[in-house]
Amino acid sequence: QKHENLKTIFNSTWQGYDSEDFETIETNLSILKDENYDNFE
């Protein structure tokens, strides 16, 4: 529904939570404005 000002505030597999077993996968958020998906704008 939102198309701006979104940010990731939590990533459960951030390496800072477990340096031994977790490897941070950056979320790389991006918004495709006005591109309908899952019946959302």
Full PDB file with SEQRES, HELIX, SHEET, SSBOND, CRYST1, ORIGX, SCALE, CONECT and MASTER records, all heavy atoms in Angstrom:
SEQRES   1 A   41  GLN LYS HIS GLU ASN LEU LYS THR ILE PHE ASN SER THR          
SEQRES   2 A   41  TRP GLN GLY TYR ASP SER GLU ASP PHE GLU THR ILE GLU          
SEQRES   3 A   41  THR ASN LEU SER ILE LEU LYS ASP GLU ASN TYR ASP ASN          
SEQRES   4 A   41  PHE GLU                                                      
HELIX    1 AA1 GLN A   15  TYR A   17  5                                   3    
CRYST1    1.000    1.000    1.000  90.00  90.00  90.00 P 1           1          
ORIGX1      1.000000  0.000000  0.000000        0.00000                         
ORIGX2      0.000000  1.000000  0.000000        0.00000                         
ORIGX3      0.000000  0.000000  1.000000        0.00000                         
SCALE1      1.000000  0.000000  0.000000        0.00000                         
SCALE2      0.000000  1.000000  0.000000        0.00000                         
SCALE3      0.000000  0.000000  1.000000        0.00000                         
ATOM      1  N   GLN A   1       0.832  -1.202   0.000  1.00  0.00           N  
ATOM      2  CA  GLN A   1       0.000   0.000   0.000  1.00  0.00           C  
ATOM      3  C   GLN A   1       0.867   1.252   0.000  1.00  0.00           C  
ATOM      4  O   GLN A   1       0.529   2.265  -0.593  1.00  0.00           O  
ATOM      5  CB  GLN A   1      -0.913   0.003   1.236  1.00  0.00           C  
ATOM      6  CG  GLN A   1      -1.956  -1.098   1.249  1.00  0.00           C  
ATOM      7  CD  GLN A   1      -2.717  -1.139   2.559  1.00  0.00           C  
ATOM      8  OE1 GLN A   1      -2.145  -0.923   3.617  1.00  0.00           O  
ATOM      9  NE2 GLN A   1      -4.019  -1.423   2.482  1.00  0.00           N  
ATOM     10  N   LYS A   2       1.982   1.180   0.719  1.00  0.00           N  
ATOM     11  CA  LYS A   2       2.885   2.331   0.835  1.00  0.00           C  
ATOM     12  C   LYS A   2       3.879   2.318  -0.317  1.00  0.00           C  
ATOM     13  O   LYS A   2       4.265   1.262  -0.812  1.00  0.00           O  
ATOM     14  CB  LYS A   2       3.646   2.277   2.160  1.00  0.00           C  
ATOM     15  CG  LYS A   2       2.782   2.284   3.404  1.00  0.00           C  
ATOM     16  CD  LYS A   2       2.157   3.637   3.668  1.00  0.00           C  
ATOM     17  CE  LYS A   2       3.185   4.682   4.041  1.00  0.00           C  
ATOM     18  NZ  LYS A   2       2.576   5.974   4.401  1.00  0.00           N  
ATOM     19  N   HIS A   3       4.315   3.493  -0.697  1.00  0.00           N  
ATOM     20  CA  HIS A   3       5.271   3.563  -1.796  1.00  0.00           C  
ATOM     21  C   HIS A   3       6.469   4.457  -1.476  1.00  0.00           C  
ATOM     22  O   HIS A   3       7.308   4.704  -2.352  1.00  0.00           O  
ATOM     23  CB  HIS A   3       4.592   4.050  -3.087  1.00  0.00           C  
ATOM     24  CG  HIS A   3       4.058   5.454  -2.996  1.00  0.00           C  
ATOM     25  ND1 HIS A   3       4.838   6.569  -3.171  1.00  0.00           N  
ATOM     26  CD2 HIS A   3       2.809   5.896  -2.743  1.00  0.00           C  
ATOM     27  CE1 HIS A   3       4.095   7.645  -3.032  1.00  0.00           C  
ATOM     28  NE2 HIS A   3       2.851   7.263  -2.769  1.00  0.00           N  
ATOM     29  N   GLU A   4       6.554   4.950  -0.247  1.00  0.00           N  
ATOM     30  CA  GLU A   4       7.678   5.803   0.103  1.00  0.00           C  
ATOM     31  C   GLU A   4       7.986   5.722   1.593  1.00  0.00           C  
ATOM     32  O   GLU A   4       7.163   5.288   2.392  1.00  0.00           O  
ATOM     33  CB  GLU A   4       7.398   7.262  -0.276  1.00  0.00           C  
ATOM     34  CG  GLU A   4       6.166   7.836   0.396  1.00  0.00           C  
ATOM     35  CD  GLU A   4       5.823   9.247  -0.088  1.00  0.00           C  
ATOM     36  OE1 GLU A   4       6.491   9.743  -1.021  1.00  0.00           O  
ATOM     37  OE2 GLU A   4       4.880   9.840   0.480  1.00  0.00           O  
ATOM     38  N   ASN A   5       9.212   6.111   1.927  1.00  0.00           N  
ATOM     39  CA  ASN A   5       9.661   6.216   3.327  1.00  0.00           C  
ATOM     40  C   ASN A   5       9.624   4.891   4.092  1.00  0.00           C  
ATOM     41  O   ASN A   5       9.399   4.874   5.299  1.00  0.00           O  
ATOM     42  CB  ASN A   5       8.842   7.259   4.094  1.00  0.00           C  
ATOM     43  CG  ASN A   5       8.969   8.643   3.504  1.00  0.00           C  
ATOM     44  OD1 ASN A   5      10.014   8.984   2.950  1.00  0.00           O  
ATOM     45  ND2 ASN A   5       7.912   9.434   3.599  1.00  0.00           N  
ATOM     46  N   LEU A   6       9.830   3.783   3.410  1.00  0.00           N  
ATOM     47  CA  LEU A   6       9.898   2.489   4.088  1.00  0.00           C  
ATOM     48  C   LEU A   6      11.352   2.128   4.367  1.00  0.00           C  
ATOM     49  O   LEU A   6      12.240   2.401   3.558  1.00  0.00           O  
ATOM     50  CB  LEU A   6       9.258   1.396   3.232  1.00  0.00           C  
ATOM     51  CG  LEU A   6       7.757   1.516   2.985  1.00  0.00           C  
ATOM     52  CD1 LEU A   6       7.282   0.371   2.115  1.00  0.00           C  
ATOM     53  CD2 LEU A   6       6.977   1.550   4.284  1.00  0.00           C  
ATOM     54  N   LYS A   7      11.586   1.519   5.513  1.00  0.00           N  
ATOM     55  CA  LYS A   7      12.945   1.095   5.846  1.00  0.00           C  
ATOM     56  C   LYS A   7      12.904  -0.219   6.618  1.00  0.00           C  
ATOM     57  O   LYS A   7      11.949  -0.516   7.341  1.00  0.00           O  
ATOM     58  CB  LYS A   7      13.670   2.155   6.677  1.00  0.00           C  
ATOM     59  CG  LYS A   7      13.104   2.359   8.074  1.00  0.00           C  
ATOM     60  CD  LYS A   7      13.986   3.292   8.883  1.00  0.00           C  
ATOM     61  CE  LYS A   7      13.437   3.466  10.308  1.00  0.00           C  
ATOM     62  NZ  LYS A   7      14.295   4.316  11.137  1.00  0.00           N  
ATOM     63  N   THR A   8      13.945  -1.022   6.451  1.00  0.00           N  
ATOM     64  CA  THR A   8      14.088  -2.256   7.220  1.00  0.00           C  
ATOM     65  C   THR A   8      14.613  -1.908   8.600  1.00  0.00           C  
ATOM     66  O   THR A   8      15.665  -1.284   8.735  1.00  0.00           O  
ATOM     67  CB  THR A   8      15.071  -3.214   6.533  1.00  0.00           C  
ATOM     68  OG1 THR A   8      14.616  -3.503   5.215  1.00  0.00           O  
ATOM     69  CG2 THR A   8      15.194  -4.512   7.314  1.00  0.00           C  
ATOM     70  N   ILE A   9      13.876  -2.299   9.624  1.00  0.00           N  
ATOM     71  CA  ILE A   9      14.340  -2.038  10.997  1.00  0.00           C  
ATOM     72  C   ILE A   9      14.792  -3.319  11.694  1.00  0.00           C  
ATOM     73  O   ILE A   9      15.365  -3.263  12.782  1.00  0.00           O  
ATOM     74  CB  ILE A   9      13.254  -1.340  11.837  1.00  0.00           C  
ATOM     75  CG1 ILE A   9      11.996  -2.225  11.964  1.00  0.00           C  
ATOM     76  CG2 ILE A   9      12.904   0.023  11.253  1.00  0.00           C  
ATOM     77  CD1 ILE A   9      10.991  -1.697  12.964  1.00  0.00           C  
ATOM     78  N   PHE A  10      14.538  -4.468  11.049  1.00  0.00           N  
ATOM     79  CA  PHE A  10      14.929  -5.735  11.671  1.00  0.00           C  
ATOM     80  C   PHE A  10      15.165  -6.775  10.592  1.00  0.00           C  
ATOM     81  O   PHE A  10      14.361  -6.938   9.667  1.00  0.00           O  
ATOM     82  CB  PHE A  10      13.826  -6.225  12.622  1.00  0.00           C  
ATOM     83  CG  PHE A  10      14.073  -7.587  13.219  1.00  0.00           C  
ATOM     84  CD1 PHE A  10      14.900  -7.740  14.324  1.00  0.00           C  
ATOM     85  CD2 PHE A  10      13.475  -8.719  12.669  1.00  0.00           C  
ATOM     86  CE1 PHE A  10      15.131  -9.007  14.865  1.00  0.00           C  
ATOM     87  CE2 PHE A  10      13.692  -9.980  13.202  1.00  0.00           C  
ATOM     88  CZ  PHE A  10      14.526 -10.119  14.307  1.00  0.00           C  
ATOM     89  N   ASN A  11      16.287  -7.469  10.702  1.00  0.00           N  
ATOM     90  CA  ASN A  11      16.616  -8.576   9.808  1.00  0.00           C  
ATOM     91  C   ASN A  11      17.117  -9.709  10.691  1.00  0.00           C  
ATOM     92  O   ASN A  11      18.180  -9.625  11.299  1.00  0.00           O  
ATOM     93  CB  ASN A  11      17.689  -8.141   8.808  1.00  0.00           C  
ATOM     94  CG  ASN A  11      18.032  -9.222   7.806  1.00  0.00           C  
ATOM     95  OD1 ASN A  11      17.659 -10.387   7.976  1.00  0.00           O  
ATOM     96  ND2 ASN A  11      18.742  -8.851   6.749  1.00  0.00           N  
ATOM     97  N   SER A  12      16.342 -10.795  10.807  1.00  0.00           N  
ATOM     98  CA  SER A  12      16.605 -11.825  11.818  1.00  0.00           C  
ATOM     99  C   SER A  12      17.931 -12.549  11.606  1.00  0.00           C  
ATOM    100  O   SER A  12      18.469 -13.129  12.550  1.00  0.00           O  
ATOM    101  CB  SER A  12      15.462 -12.846  11.848  1.00  0.00           C  
ATOM    102  OG  SER A  12      15.444 -13.613  10.659  1.00  0.00           O  
ATOM    103  N   THR A  13      18.455 -12.554  10.378  1.00  0.00           N  
ATOM    104  CA  THR A  13      19.713 -13.263  10.141  1.00  0.00           C  
ATOM    105  C   THR A  13      20.878 -12.294   9.953  1.00  0.00           C  
ATOM    106  O   THR A  13      21.887 -12.651   9.328  1.00  0.00           O  
ATOM    107  CB  THR A  13      19.585 -14.202   8.923  1.00  0.00           C  
ATOM    108  OG1 THR A  13      19.236 -13.448   7.763  1.00  0.00           O  
ATOM    109  CG2 THR A  13      18.552 -15.275   9.180  1.00  0.00           C  
ATOM    110  N   TRP A  14      20.743 -11.112  10.502  1.00  0.00           N  
ATOM    111  CA  TRP A  14      21.858 -10.156  10.532  1.00  0.00           C  
ATOM    112  C   TRP A  14      23.034 -10.800  11.264  1.00  0.00           C  
ATOM    113  O   TRP A  14      22.873 -11.400  12.331  1.00  0.00           O  
ATOM    114  CB  TRP A  14      21.416  -8.876  11.217  1.00  0.00           C  
ATOM    115  CG  TRP A  14      22.500  -7.873  11.468  1.00  0.00           C  
ATOM    116  CD1 TRP A  14      23.401  -7.377  10.578  1.00  0.00           C  
ATOM    117  CD2 TRP A  14      22.784  -7.233  12.716  1.00  0.00           C  
ATOM    118  NE1 TRP A  14      24.233  -6.457  11.170  1.00  0.00           N  
ATOM    119  CE2 TRP A  14      23.878  -6.352  12.497  1.00  0.00           C  
ATOM    120  CE3 TRP A  14      22.236  -7.303  13.995  1.00  0.00           C  
ATOM    121  CZ2 TRP A  14      24.434  -5.561  13.499  1.00  0.00           C  
ATOM    122  CZ3 TRP A  14      22.766  -6.517  14.999  1.00  0.00           C  
ATOM    123  CH2 TRP A  14      23.857  -5.655  14.750  1.00  0.00           C  
ATOM    124  N   GLN A  15      24.219 -10.629  10.722  1.00  0.00           N  
ATOM    125  CA  GLN A  15      25.389 -11.275  11.294  1.00  0.00           C  
ATOM    126  C   GLN A  15      25.676 -10.795  12.716  1.00  0.00           C  
ATOM    127  O   GLN A  15      26.282 -11.513  13.512  1.00  0.00           O  
ATOM    128  CB  GLN A  15      26.611 -11.035  10.396  1.00  0.00           C  
ATOM    129  CG  GLN A  15      27.761 -11.992  10.675  1.00  0.00           C  
ATOM    130  CD  GLN A  15      28.829 -11.910   9.609  1.00  0.00           C  
ATOM    131  OE1 GLN A  15      28.979 -10.878   8.952  1.00  0.00           O  
ATOM    132  NE2 GLN A  15      29.570 -12.983   9.427  1.00  0.00           N  
ATOM    133  N   GLY A  16      25.227  -9.595  13.042  1.00  0.00           N  
ATOM    134  CA  GLY A  16      25.429  -9.069  14.393  1.00  0.00           C  
ATOM    135  C   GLY A  16      24.702  -9.860  15.456  1.00  0.00           C  
ATOM    136  O   GLY A  16      25.058  -9.807  16.643  1.00  0.00           O  
ATOM    137  N   TYR A  17      23.683 -10.619  15.054  1.00  0.00           N  
ATOM    138  CA  TYR A  17      22.964 -11.467  16.000  1.00  0.00           C  
ATOM    139  C   TYR A  17      23.667 -12.808  16.226  1.00  0.00           C  
ATOM    140  O   TYR A  17      23.477 -13.446  17.253  1.00  0.00           O  
ATOM    141  CB  TYR A  17      21.533 -11.726  15.517  1.00  0.00           C  
ATOM    142  CG  TYR A  17      20.647 -10.502  15.510  1.00  0.00           C  
ATOM    143  CD1 TYR A  17      19.715 -10.297  14.486  1.00  0.00           C  
ATOM    144  CD2 TYR A  17      20.732  -9.537  16.517  1.00  0.00           C  
ATOM    145  CE1 TYR A  17      18.881  -9.187  14.480  1.00  0.00           C  
ATOM    146  CE2 TYR A  17      19.911  -8.419  16.506  1.00  0.00           C  
ATOM    147  CZ  TYR A  17      18.988  -8.240  15.486  1.00  0.00           C  
ATOM    148  OH  TYR A  17      18.181  -7.135  15.474  1.00  0.00           O  
ATOM    149  N   ASP A  18      24.439 -13.252  15.240  1.00  0.00           N  
ATOM    150  CA  ASP A  18      25.179 -14.507  15.365  1.00  0.00           C  
ATOM    151  C   ASP A  18      26.283 -14.523  14.314  1.00  0.00           C  
ATOM    152  O   ASP A  18      26.034 -14.863  13.147  1.00  0.00           O  
ATOM    153  CB  ASP A  18      24.235 -15.701  15.181  1.00  0.00           C  
ATOM    154  CG  ASP A  18      24.872 -17.032  15.562  1.00  0.00           C  
ATOM    155  OD1 ASP A  18      26.044 -17.239  15.213  1.00  0.00           O  
ATOM    156  OD2 ASP A  18      24.184 -17.853  16.197  1.00  0.00           O  
ATOM    157  N   SER A  19      27.465 -14.159  14.718  1.00  0.00           N  
ATOM    158  CA  SER A  19      28.571 -14.036  13.764  1.00  0.00           C  
ATOM    159  C   SER A  19      29.035 -15.389  13.240  1.00  0.00           C  
ATOM    160  O   SER A  19      29.672 -15.468  12.182  1.00  0.00           O  
ATOM    161  CB  SER A  19      29.748 -13.305  14.421  1.00  0.00           C  
ATOM    162  OG  SER A  19      30.202 -14.008  15.572  1.00  0.00           O  
ATOM    163  N   GLU A  20      28.708 -16.457  13.954  1.00  0.00           N  
ATOM    164  CA  GLU A  20      29.171 -17.785  13.563  1.00  0.00           C  
ATOM    165  C   GLU A  20      28.282 -18.413  12.494  1.00  0.00           C  
ATOM    166  O   GLU A  20      28.781 -18.980  11.511  1.00  0.00           O  
ATOM    167  CB  GLU A  20      29.235 -18.695  14.790  1.00  0.00           C  
ATOM    168  CG  GLU A  20      29.736 -20.100  14.502  1.00  0.00           C  
ATOM    169  CD  GLU A  20      29.821 -20.955  15.759  1.00  0.00           C  
ATOM    170  OE1 GLU A  20      29.918 -20.385  16.874  1.00  0.00           O  
ATOM    171  OE2 GLU A  20      29.770 -22.188  15.617  1.00  0.00           O  
ATOM    172  N   ASP A  21      26.990 -18.321  12.659  1.00  0.00           N  
ATOM    173  CA  ASP A  21      26.071 -19.046  11.772  1.00  0.00           C  
ATOM    174  C   ASP A  21      25.261 -18.163  10.835  1.00  0.00           C  
ATOM    175  O   ASP A  21      24.650 -18.660   9.882  1.00  0.00           O  
ATOM    176  CB  ASP A  21      25.101 -19.893  12.603  1.00  0.00           C  
ATOM    177  CG  ASP A  21      25.752 -21.148  13.159  1.00  0.00           C  
ATOM    178  OD1 ASP A  21      26.673 -21.672  12.499  1.00  0.00           O  
ATOM    179  OD2 ASP A  21      25.353 -21.594  14.248  1.00  0.00           O  
ATOM    180  N   PHE A  22      25.185 -16.853  11.095  1.00  0.00           N  
ATOM    181  CA  PHE A  22      24.372 -15.983  10.263  1.00  0.00           C  
ATOM    182  C   PHE A  22      25.245 -15.225   9.267  1.00  0.00           C  
ATOM    183  O   PHE A  22      26.351 -14.791   9.608  1.00  0.00           O  
ATOM    184  CB  PHE A  22      23.591 -14.978  11.105  1.00  0.00           C  
ATOM    185  CG  PHE A  22      22.523 -15.606  11.980  1.00  0.00           C  
ATOM    186  CD1 PHE A  22      21.753 -14.817  12.825  1.00  0.00           C  
ATOM    187  CD2 PHE A  22      22.273 -16.970  11.964  1.00  0.00           C  
ATOM    188  CE1 PHE A  22      20.778 -15.378  13.646  1.00  0.00           C  
ATOM    189  CE2 PHE A  22      21.303 -17.542  12.771  1.00  0.00           C  
ATOM    190  CZ  PHE A  22      20.555 -16.746  13.621  1.00  0.00           C  
ATOM    191  N   GLU A  23      24.716 -15.074   8.080  1.00  0.00           N  
ATOM    192  CA  GLU A  23      25.382 -14.272   7.055  1.00  0.00           C  
ATOM    193  C   GLU A  23      24.380 -13.247   6.558  1.00  0.00           C  
ATOM    194  O   GLU A  23      23.344 -13.597   5.993  1.00  0.00           O  
ATOM    195  CB  GLU A  23      25.862 -15.148   5.898  1.00  0.00           C  
ATOM    196  CG  GLU A  23      26.621 -14.386   4.835  1.00  0.00           C  
ATOM    197  CD  GLU A  23      27.113 -15.287   3.731  1.00  0.00           C  
ATOM    198  OE1 GLU A  23      27.065 -16.521   3.904  1.00  0.00           O  
ATOM    199  OE2 GLU A  23      27.535 -14.757   2.693  1.00  0.00           O  
ATOM    200  N   THR A  24      24.656 -11.988   6.791  1.00  0.00           N  
ATOM    201  CA  THR A  24      23.699 -10.944   6.475  1.00  0.00           C  
ATOM    202  C   THR A  24      23.346 -10.950   4.994  1.00  0.00           C  
ATOM    203  O   THR A  24      24.227 -10.858   4.128  1.00  0.00           O  
ATOM    204  CB  THR A  24      24.238  -9.560   6.858  1.00  0.00           C  
ATOM    205  OG1 THR A  24      24.583  -9.560   8.247  1.00  0.00           O  
ATOM    206  CG2 THR A  24      23.192  -8.481   6.578  1.00  0.00           C  
ATOM    207  N   ILE A  25      22.079 -11.080   4.716  1.00  0.00           N  
ATOM    208  CA  ILE A  25      21.556 -10.892   3.366  1.00  0.00           C  
ATOM    209  C   ILE A  25      20.870  -9.530   3.360  1.00  0.00           C  
ATOM    210  O   ILE A  25      19.823  -9.351   3.994  1.00  0.00           O  
ATOM    211  CB  ILE A  25      20.549 -11.995   2.981  1.00  0.00           C  
ATOM    212  CG1 ILE A  25      21.184 -13.384   3.103  1.00  0.00           C  
ATOM    213  CG2 ILE A  25      19.988 -11.749   1.582  1.00  0.00           C  
ATOM    214  CD1 ILE A  25      22.275 -13.669   2.120  1.00  0.00           C  
ATOM    215  N   GLU A  26      21.474  -8.555   2.706  1.00  0.00           N  
ATOM    216  CA  GLU A  26      20.886  -7.215   2.673  1.00  0.00           C  
ATOM    217  C   GLU A  26      19.502  -7.277   2.036  1.00  0.00           C  
ATOM    218  O   GLU A  26      19.299  -7.955   1.015  1.00  0.00           O  
ATOM    219  CB  GLU A  26      21.776  -6.253   1.888  1.00  0.00           C  
ATOM    220  CG  GLU A  26      23.151  -6.031   2.498  1.00  0.00           C  
ATOM    221  CD  GLU A  26      23.090  -5.330   3.850  1.00  0.00           C  
ATOM    222  OE1 GLU A  26      22.062  -4.699   4.147  1.00  0.00           O  
ATOM    223  OE2 GLU A  26      24.076  -5.427   4.606  1.00  0.00           O  
ATOM    224  N   THR A  27      18.560  -6.589   2.645  1.00  0.00           N  
ATOM    225  CA  THR A  27      17.186  -6.664   2.144  1.00  0.00           C  
ATOM    226  C   THR A  27      16.998  -5.906   0.832  1.00  0.00           C  
ATOM    227  O   THR A  27      16.124  -6.253   0.044  1.00  0.00           O  
ATOM    228  CB  THR A  27      16.199  -6.113   3.189  1.00  0.00           C  
ATOM    229  OG1 THR A  27      16.583  -4.785   3.544  1.00  0.00           O  
ATOM    230  CG2 THR A  27      16.192  -6.981   4.423  1.00  0.00           C  
ATOM    231  N   ASN A  28      17.802  -4.852   0.606  1.00  0.00           N  
ATOM    232  CA  ASN A  28      17.738  -4.114  -0.671  1.00  0.00           C  
ATOM    233  C   ASN A  28      16.308  -3.734  -1.038  1.00  0.00           C  
ATOM    234  O   ASN A  28      15.812  -4.028  -2.138  1.00  0.00           O  
ATOM    235  CB  ASN A  28      18.361  -4.938  -1.809  1.00  0.00           C  
ATOM    236  CG  ASN A  28      19.842  -5.188  -1.603  1.00  0.00           C  
ATOM    237  OD1 ASN A  28      20.574  -4.296  -1.162  1.00  0.00           O  
ATOM    238  ND2 ASN A  28      20.301  -6.400  -1.918  1.00  0.00           N  
ATOM    239  N   LEU A  29      15.639  -3.096  -0.102  1.00  0.00           N  
ATOM    240  CA  LEU A  29      14.256  -2.677  -0.340  1.00  0.00           C  
ATOM    241  C   LEU A  29      14.167  -1.724  -1.518  1.00  0.00           C  
ATOM    242  O   LEU A  29      14.956  -0.794  -1.652  1.00  0.00           O  
ATOM    243  CB  LEU A  29      13.704  -1.955   0.896  1.00  0.00           C  
ATOM    244  CG  LEU A  29      13.263  -2.766   2.103  1.00  0.00           C  
ATOM    245  CD1 LEU A  29      12.691  -1.828   3.149  1.00  0.00           C  
ATOM    246  CD2 LEU A  29      12.253  -3.822   1.735  1.00  0.00           C  
ATOM    247  N   SER A  30      13.173  -1.949  -2.345  1.00  0.00           N  
ATOM    248  CA  SER A  30      12.871  -0.970  -3.398  1.00  0.00           C  
ATOM    249  C   SER A  30      11.374  -1.010  -3.671  1.00  0.00           C  
ATOM    250  O   SER A  30      10.729  -2.050  -3.540  1.00  0.00           O  
ATOM    251  CB  SER A  30      13.660  -1.272  -4.675  1.00  0.00           C  
ATOM    252  OG  SER A  30      13.268  -2.519  -5.223  1.00  0.00           O  
ATOM    253  N   ILE A  31      10.826   0.133  -4.025  1.00  0.00           N  
ATOM    254  CA  ILE A  31       9.404   0.262  -4.304  1.00  0.00           C  
ATOM    255  C   ILE A  31       9.203   0.520  -5.786  1.00  0.00           C  
ATOM    256  O   ILE A  31       9.824   1.424  -6.365  1.00  0.00           O  
ATOM    257  CB  ILE A  31       8.775   1.401  -3.489  1.00  0.00           C  
ATOM    258  CG1 ILE A  31       8.801   1.080  -2.002  1.00  0.00           C  
ATOM    259  CG2 ILE A  31       7.337   1.668  -3.945  1.00  0.00           C  
ATOM    260  CD1 ILE A  31       7.848   0.000  -1.579  1.00  0.00           C  
ATOM    261  N   LEU A  32       8.366  -0.277  -6.403  1.00  0.00           N  
ATOM    262  CA  LEU A  32       7.988  -0.063  -7.793  1.00  0.00           C  
ATOM    263  C   LEU A  32       6.621   0.630  -7.777  1.00  0.00           C  
ATOM    264  O   LEU A  32       5.574  -0.009  -7.616  1.00  0.00           O  
ATOM    265  CB  LEU A  32       7.926  -1.392  -8.534  1.00  0.00           C  
ATOM    266  CG  LEU A  32       9.211  -2.233  -8.472  1.00  0.00           C  
ATOM    267  CD1 LEU A  32       9.016  -3.571  -9.178  1.00  0.00           C  
ATOM    268  CD2 LEU A  32      10.379  -1.480  -9.072  1.00  0.00           C  
ATOM    269  N   LYS A  33       6.652   1.925  -7.837  1.00  0.00           N  
ATOM    270  CA  LYS A  33       5.443   2.730  -7.681  1.00  0.00           C  
ATOM    271  C   LYS A  33       4.464   2.486  -8.825  1.00  0.00           C  
ATOM    272  O   LYS A  33       4.864   2.362  -9.991  1.00  0.00           O  
ATOM    273  CB  LYS A  33       5.820   4.212  -7.613  1.00  0.00           C  
ATOM    274  CG  LYS A  33       4.655   5.137  -7.306  1.00  0.00           C  
ATOM    275  CD  LYS A  33       5.124   6.577  -7.214  1.00  0.00           C  
ATOM    276  CE  LYS A  33       3.942   7.509  -6.956  1.00  0.00           C  
ATOM    277  NZ  LYS A  33       4.382   8.927  -6.915  1.00  0.00           N  
ATOM    278  N   ASP A  34       3.186   2.389  -8.449  1.00  0.00           N  
ATOM    279  CA  ASP A  34       2.093   2.220  -9.405  1.00  0.00           C  
ATOM    280  C   ASP A  34       2.200   0.921 -10.211  1.00  0.00           C  
ATOM    281  O   ASP A  34       1.587   0.783 -11.260  1.00  0.00           O  
ATOM    282  CB  ASP A  34       2.019   3.412 -10.374  1.00  0.00           C  
ATOM    283  CG  ASP A  34       1.754   4.717  -9.652  1.00  0.00           C  
ATOM    284  OD1 ASP A  34       1.050   4.694  -8.627  1.00  0.00           O  
ATOM    285  OD2 ASP A  34       2.276   5.764 -10.095  1.00  0.00           O  
ATOM    286  N   GLU A  35       2.969  -0.022  -9.692  1.00  0.00           N  
ATOM    287  CA  GLU A  35       3.034  -1.332 -10.328  1.00  0.00           C  
ATOM    288  C   GLU A  35       2.234  -2.312  -9.482  1.00  0.00           C  
ATOM    289  O   GLU A  35       2.657  -2.726  -8.420  1.00  0.00           O  
ATOM    290  CB  GLU A  35       4.484  -1.793 -10.467  1.00  0.00           C  
ATOM    291  CG  GLU A  35       4.607  -3.114 -11.222  1.00  0.00           C  
ATOM    292  CD  GLU A  35       6.047  -3.484 -11.510  1.00  0.00           C  
ATOM    293  OE1 GLU A  35       6.812  -2.627 -11.989  1.00  0.00           O  
ATOM    294  OE2 GLU A  35       6.413  -4.653 -11.229  1.00  0.00           O  
ATOM    295  N   ASN A  36       1.050  -2.653  -9.955  1.00  0.00           N  
ATOM    296  CA  ASN A  36       0.123  -3.477  -9.179  1.00  0.00           C  
ATOM    297  C   ASN A  36       0.692  -4.871  -8.933  1.00  0.00           C  
ATOM    298  O   ASN A  36       1.264  -5.490  -9.817  1.00  0.00           O  
ATOM    299  CB  ASN A  36      -1.215  -3.594  -9.935  1.00  0.00           C  
ATOM    300  CG  ASN A  36      -2.252  -4.353  -9.132  1.00  0.00           C  
ATOM    301  OD1 ASN A  36      -2.202  -5.569  -9.051  1.00  0.00           O  
ATOM    302  ND2 ASN A  36      -3.178  -3.634  -8.544  1.00  0.00           N  
ATOM    303  N   TYR A  37       0.526  -5.317  -7.647  1.00  0.00           N  
ATOM    304  CA  TYR A  37       0.975  -6.673  -7.295  1.00  0.00           C  
ATOM    305  C   TYR A  37       0.154  -7.139  -6.098  1.00  0.00           C  
ATOM    306  O   TYR A  37      -0.105  -6.360  -5.180  1.00  0.00           O  
ATOM    307  CB  TYR A  37       2.472  -6.673  -6.943  1.00  0.00           C  
ATOM    308  CG  TYR A  37       3.130  -8.026  -7.068  1.00  0.00           C  
ATOM    309  CD1 TYR A  37       3.757  -8.403  -8.238  1.00  0.00           C  
ATOM    310  CD2 TYR A  37       3.105  -8.942  -6.011  1.00  0.00           C  
ATOM    311  CE1 TYR A  37       4.369  -9.642  -8.379  1.00  0.00           C  
ATOM    312  CE2 TYR A  37       3.693 -10.184  -6.136  1.00  0.00           C  
ATOM    313  CZ  TYR A  37       4.331 -10.530  -7.322  1.00  0.00           C  
ATOM    314  OH  TYR A  37       4.918 -11.772  -7.450  1.00  0.00           O  
ATOM    315  N   ASP A  38      -0.268  -8.385  -6.113  1.00  0.00           N  
ATOM    316  CA  ASP A  38      -1.100  -8.925  -5.020  1.00  0.00           C  
ATOM    317  C   ASP A  38      -2.338  -8.058  -4.780  1.00  0.00           C  
ATOM    318  O   ASP A  38      -2.820  -7.924  -3.650  1.00  0.00           O  
ATOM    319  CB  ASP A  38      -0.307  -9.018  -3.707  1.00  0.00           C  
ATOM    320  CG  ASP A  38       0.702 -10.148  -3.700  1.00  0.00           C  
ATOM    321  OD1 ASP A  38       0.542 -11.073  -4.506  1.00  0.00           O  
ATOM    322  OD2 ASP A  38       1.635 -10.093  -2.874  1.00  0.00           O  
ATOM    323  N   ASN A  39      -2.831  -7.422  -5.849  1.00  0.00           N  
ATOM    324  CA  ASN A  39      -4.000  -6.529  -5.758  1.00  0.00           C  
ATOM    325  C   ASN A  39      -3.736  -5.284  -4.913  1.00  0.00           C  
ATOM    326  O   ASN A  39      -4.680  -4.699  -4.361  1.00  0.00           O  
ATOM    327  CB  ASN A  39      -5.220  -7.284  -5.215  1.00  0.00           C  
ATOM    328  CG  ASN A  39      -5.690  -8.369  -6.156  1.00  0.00           C  
ATOM    329  OD1 ASN A  39      -5.733  -8.169  -7.382  1.00  0.00           O  
ATOM    330  ND2 ASN A  39      -6.036  -9.529  -5.607  1.00  0.00           N  
ATOM    331  N   PHE A  40      -2.478  -4.911  -4.794  1.00  0.00           N  
ATOM    332  CA  PHE A  40      -2.117  -3.644  -4.160  1.00  0.00           C  
ATOM    333  C   PHE A  40      -1.575  -2.691  -5.227  1.00  0.00           C  
ATOM    334  O   PHE A  40      -1.095  -3.127  -6.284  1.00  0.00           O  
ATOM    335  CB  PHE A  40      -1.074  -3.866  -3.071  1.00  0.00           C  
ATOM    336  CG  PHE A  40      -1.602  -4.580  -1.857  1.00  0.00           C  
ATOM    337  CD1 PHE A  40      -1.445  -5.951  -1.714  1.00  0.00           C  
ATOM    338  CD2 PHE A  40      -2.283  -3.880  -0.864  1.00  0.00           C  
ATOM    339  CE1 PHE A  40      -1.939  -6.618  -0.600  1.00  0.00           C  
ATOM    340  CE2 PHE A  40      -2.783  -4.545   0.252  1.00  0.00           C  
ATOM    341  CZ  PHE A  40      -2.611  -5.912   0.380  1.00  0.00           C  
ATOM    342  N   GLU A  41      -1.622  -1.411  -4.927  1.00  0.00           N  
ATOM    343  CA  GLU A  41      -1.246  -0.400  -5.926  1.00  0.00           C  
ATOM    344  C   GLU A  41       0.221  -0.453  -6.322  1.00  0.00           C  
ATOM    345  O   GLU A  41       0.583  -0.168  -7.460  1.00  0.00           O  
ATOM    346  CB  GLU A  41      -1.532   1.016  -5.385  1.00  0.00           C  
ATOM    347  CG  GLU A  41      -2.999   1.367  -5.274  1.00  0.00           C  
ATOM    348  CD  GLU A  41      -3.176   2.792  -4.777  1.00  0.00           C  
ATOM    349  OE1 GLU A  41      -2.678   3.717  -5.445  1.00  0.00           O  
ATOM    350  OE2 GLU A  41      -3.772   2.961  -3.697  1.00  0.00           O  
TER     351      GLU A  41                                                      
MASTER        0    0    0    1    0    0    0    6  350    1    0    4          
END                                                                             
